[in-house]
Amino acid sequence: MLFFIGIGIGQIFVLFPQLTINMKVIGIVYLLYLAYLIASSGELKKEFCFNG
């Protein structure tokens, strides 16, 4: 969000406040999707583990 304000797109967020909420919802959904991918990836194979 700070990046967009820094490059001058902050005025769009002032004109369309719903856009901020939409961006937050999209970000949350994306993070939940990534968490699902990590949780359902399975266990690591032994050949990729370091024995230190």
C-alpha atoms as a PDB file:
ATOM      1  CA  MET A   1       0.000   0.000   0.000  1.00  0.00           C
ATOM      2  CA  LEU A   2       2.787   2.392   0.884  1.00  0.00           C
ATOM      3  CA  PHE A   3       4.427   1.638  -2.470  1.00  0.00           C
ATOM      4  CA  PHE A   4       1.309   2.733  -4.370  1.00  0.00           C
ATOM      5  CA  ILE A   5       1.026   5.929  -2.361  1.00  0.00           C
ATOM      6  CA  GLY A   6       4.712   6.616  -2.956  1.00  0.00           C
ATOM      7  CA  ILE A   7       4.360   6.445  -6.720  1.00  0.00           C
ATOM      8  CA  GLY A   8       1.310   8.692  -6.755  1.00  0.00           C
ATOM      9  CA  ILE A   9      -1.519   6.197  -7.040  1.00  0.00           C
ATOM     10  CA  GLY A  10      -2.768   7.183  -3.589  1.00  0.00           C
ATOM     11  CA  GLN A  11      -5.278   9.521  -5.186  1.00  0.00           C
ATOM     12  CA  ILE A  12      -7.056   6.503  -6.701  1.00  0.00           C
ATOM     13  CA  PHE A  13      -7.485   5.066  -3.211  1.00  0.00           C
ATOM     14  CA  VAL A  14      -8.975   8.360  -2.070  1.00  0.00           C
ATOM     15  CA  LEU A  15     -11.438   8.355  -4.954  1.00  0.00           C
ATOM     16  CA  PHE A  16     -12.309   4.651  -4.599  1.00  0.00           C
ATOM     17  CA  PRO A  17     -12.000   3.569  -0.937  1.00  0.00           C
ATOM     18  CA  GLN A  18     -13.562   0.198  -1.746  1.00  0.00           C
ATOM     19  CA  LEU A  19     -10.432  -0.593  -3.768  1.00  0.00           C
ATOM     20  CA  THR A  20      -8.376  -0.732  -0.570  1.00  0.00           C
ATOM     21  CA  ILE A  21     -10.706  -3.281   0.989  1.00  0.00           C
ATOM     22  CA  ASN A  22     -10.713  -5.335  -2.208  1.00  0.00           C
ATOM     23  CA  MET A  23      -6.920  -5.401  -2.298  1.00  0.00           C
ATOM     24  CA  LYS A  24      -6.815  -6.570   1.318  1.00  0.00           C
ATOM     25  CA  VAL A  25      -9.331  -9.347   0.639  1.00  0.00           C
ATOM     26  CA  ILE A  26      -7.414 -10.491  -2.436  1.00  0.00           C
ATOM     27  CA  GLY A  27      -4.195 -10.530  -0.395  1.00  0.00           C
ATOM     28  CA  ILE A  28      -5.790 -12.595   2.363  1.00  0.00           C
ATOM     29  CA  VAL A  29      -7.205 -15.099  -0.129  1.00  0.00           C
ATOM     30  CA  TYR A  30      -3.806 -15.405  -1.804  1.00  0.00           C
ATOM     31  CA  LEU A  31      -2.043 -16.006   1.519  1.00  0.00           C
ATOM     32  CA  LEU A  32      -4.609 -18.660   2.445  1.00  0.00           C
ATOM     33  CA  TYR A  33      -4.048 -20.309  -0.944  1.00  0.00           C
ATOM     34  CA  LEU A  34      -0.289 -20.377  -0.365  1.00  0.00           C
ATOM     35  CA  ALA A  35      -0.814 -21.795   3.127  1.00  0.00           C
ATOM     36  CA  TYR A  36      -3.008 -24.519   1.647  1.00  0.00           C
ATOM     37  CA  LEU A  37      -0.315 -25.392  -0.891  1.00  0.00           C
ATOM     38  CA  ILE A  38       2.288 -25.676   1.861  1.00  0.00           C
ATOM     39  CA  ALA A  39       0.001 -27.721   4.114  1.00  0.00           C
ATOM     40  CA  SER A  40      -0.947 -30.152   1.365  1.00  0.00           C
ATOM     41  CA  SER A  41       2.529 -30.539  -0.140  1.00  0.00           C
ATOM     42  CA  GLY A  42       3.368 -33.678   1.826  1.00  0.00           C
ATOM     43  CA  GLU A  43       6.481 -34.541   3.723  1.00  0.00           C
ATOM     44  CA  LEU A  44      10.038 -33.927   2.640  1.00  0.00           C
ATOM     45  CA  LYS A  45      11.925 -36.766   1.024  1.00  0.00           C
ATOM     46  CA  LYS A  46      14.982 -38.014   2.867  1.00  0.00           C
ATOM     47  CA  GLU A  47      17.295 -37.237  -0.050  1.00  0.00           C
ATOM     48  CA  PHE A  48      16.669 -33.494   0.362  1.00  0.00           C
ATOM     49  CA  CYS A  49      17.320 -33.376   4.111  1.00  0.00           C
ATOM     50  CA  PHE A  50      20.732 -32.452   5.434  1.00  0.00           C
ATOM     51  CA  ASN A  51      22.304 -34.812   7.956  1.00  0.00           C
ATOM     52  CA  GLY A  52      24.424 -32.473   9.969  1.00  0.00           C
END
